Each structure stands twice: as C-alpha cells, then as structure tokens.
Amino acid sequence: MSPEDACREVYQGDAALGRLLSKAGVSVDAAWRLELIQGVLAAPEPVAEADRWIGLVAPDASPALAA
C-alpha cells in the first residue's frame, strides 16, 4: 500500500481529496466537493449505513478515499 492509499485520521486538505477522487475516476471541481461534504455533514443522525453515499460518488473508492 502506498502512502497515498493509507487511511488518515485527519483531513489532508482539498488537494489530497481531489487527487483521491481523480484516482478513483471521479472528476469534479472544488465547489462540487464542498457542496457534497456540506450535504453529508447536514444529514440527520443516526443514519443507517452512514458511509453508503461514498459508493454513489466513487464506486471504486479506495480505503483512503472512503476514510
């Protein structure tokens, strides 16, 4: 596993997120990523299968992207 694929516990920034999305074949701009994250954070708690939205955005998400 390369360092890029390693899961981190701290957000690594927009550029790192962009690289991980690109690696997963997802091409979106920074504004779209921000809106997506805001939407996920606004979801009511508790959510069954809270990480399921990741598959909608990036079906081939690496563990690092899913983290």
Protein backbone atom coordinates (compact mmCIF):
# COMPACT_ATOMS: atom_id res chain seq x y z
CA MET A 1 0.00 0.00 0.00
CA SER A 2 1.38 3.39 -0.93
CA PRO A 3 1.27 6.35 1.49
CA GLU A 4 -1.46 7.87 -0.70
CA ASP A 5 -3.65 4.83 -0.08
CA ALA A 6 -3.12 4.81 3.67
CA CYS A 7 -6.11 5.91 5.70
CA ARG A 8 -5.61 9.04 7.74
CA GLU A 9 -7.49 10.19 10.78
CA VAL A 10 -7.03 13.89 9.98
CA TYR A 11 -8.39 15.59 6.85
CA GLN A 12 -5.47 16.05 4.48
CA GLY A 13 -6.95 19.00 2.60
CA ASP A 14 -8.81 19.71 -0.59
CA ALA A 15 -5.86 18.93 -2.88
CA ALA A 16 -5.45 15.46 -1.36
CA LEU A 17 -9.19 14.81 -1.66
CA GLY A 18 -9.08 15.93 -5.29
CA ARG A 19 -6.21 13.53 -6.03
CA LEU A 20 -8.01 10.62 -4.36
CA LEU A 21 -11.22 11.34 -6.27
CA SER A 22 -9.31 11.63 -9.53
CA LYS A 23 -7.55 8.33 -8.84
CA ALA A 24 -10.99 6.76 -8.35
CA GLY A 25 -12.13 8.13 -11.72
CA VAL A 26 -14.28 10.94 -10.30
CA SER A 27 -13.78 14.30 -11.98
CA VAL A 28 -15.44 17.11 -10.03
CA ASP A 29 -14.41 20.64 -9.12
CA ALA A 30 -13.65 22.01 -5.67
CA ALA A 31 -17.04 23.74 -5.35
CA TRP A 32 -18.86 20.47 -6.01
CA ARG A 33 -16.72 18.66 -3.41
CA LEU A 34 -17.51 21.34 -0.84
CA GLU A 35 -21.26 21.11 -1.51
CA LEU A 36 -21.11 17.33 -1.24
CA ILE A 37 -19.30 17.42 2.09
CA GLN A 38 -21.71 20.04 3.44
CA GLY A 39 -24.63 17.84 2.42
CA VAL A 40 -23.17 14.78 4.09
CA LEU A 41 -22.49 16.72 7.29
CA ALA A 42 -26.05 18.09 7.27
CA ALA A 43 -27.61 14.60 7.19
CA PRO A 44 -29.60 13.72 10.30
CA GLU A 45 -28.07 11.37 12.83
CA PRO A 46 -28.16 8.45 13.21
CA VAL A 47 -28.01 7.27 9.62
CA ALA A 48 -28.13 3.58 8.85
CA GLU A 49 -25.16 2.68 6.66
CA ALA A 50 -23.73 6.18 7.03
CA ASP A 51 -20.91 5.59 4.54
CA ARG A 52 -23.13 4.29 1.75
CA TRP A 53 -23.11 7.69 -0.01
CA ILE A 54 -19.44 7.15 -0.86
CA GLY A 55 -20.40 4.43 -3.35
CA LEU A 56 -22.74 6.83 -5.11
CA VAL A 57 -19.92 9.30 -5.70
CA ALA A 58 -17.00 6.93 -6.22
CA PRO A 59 -17.98 3.29 -6.74
CA ASP A 60 -14.30 2.27 -6.80
CA ALA A 61 -13.27 4.34 -3.76
CA SER A 62 -10.03 3.30 -2.12
CA PRO A 63 -9.94 2.89 1.66
CA ALA A 64 -8.09 6.22 1.83
CA LEU A 65 -10.85 7.98 -0.08
CA ALA A 66 -13.57 6.34 1.98
CA ALA A 67 -11.85 7.45 5.19
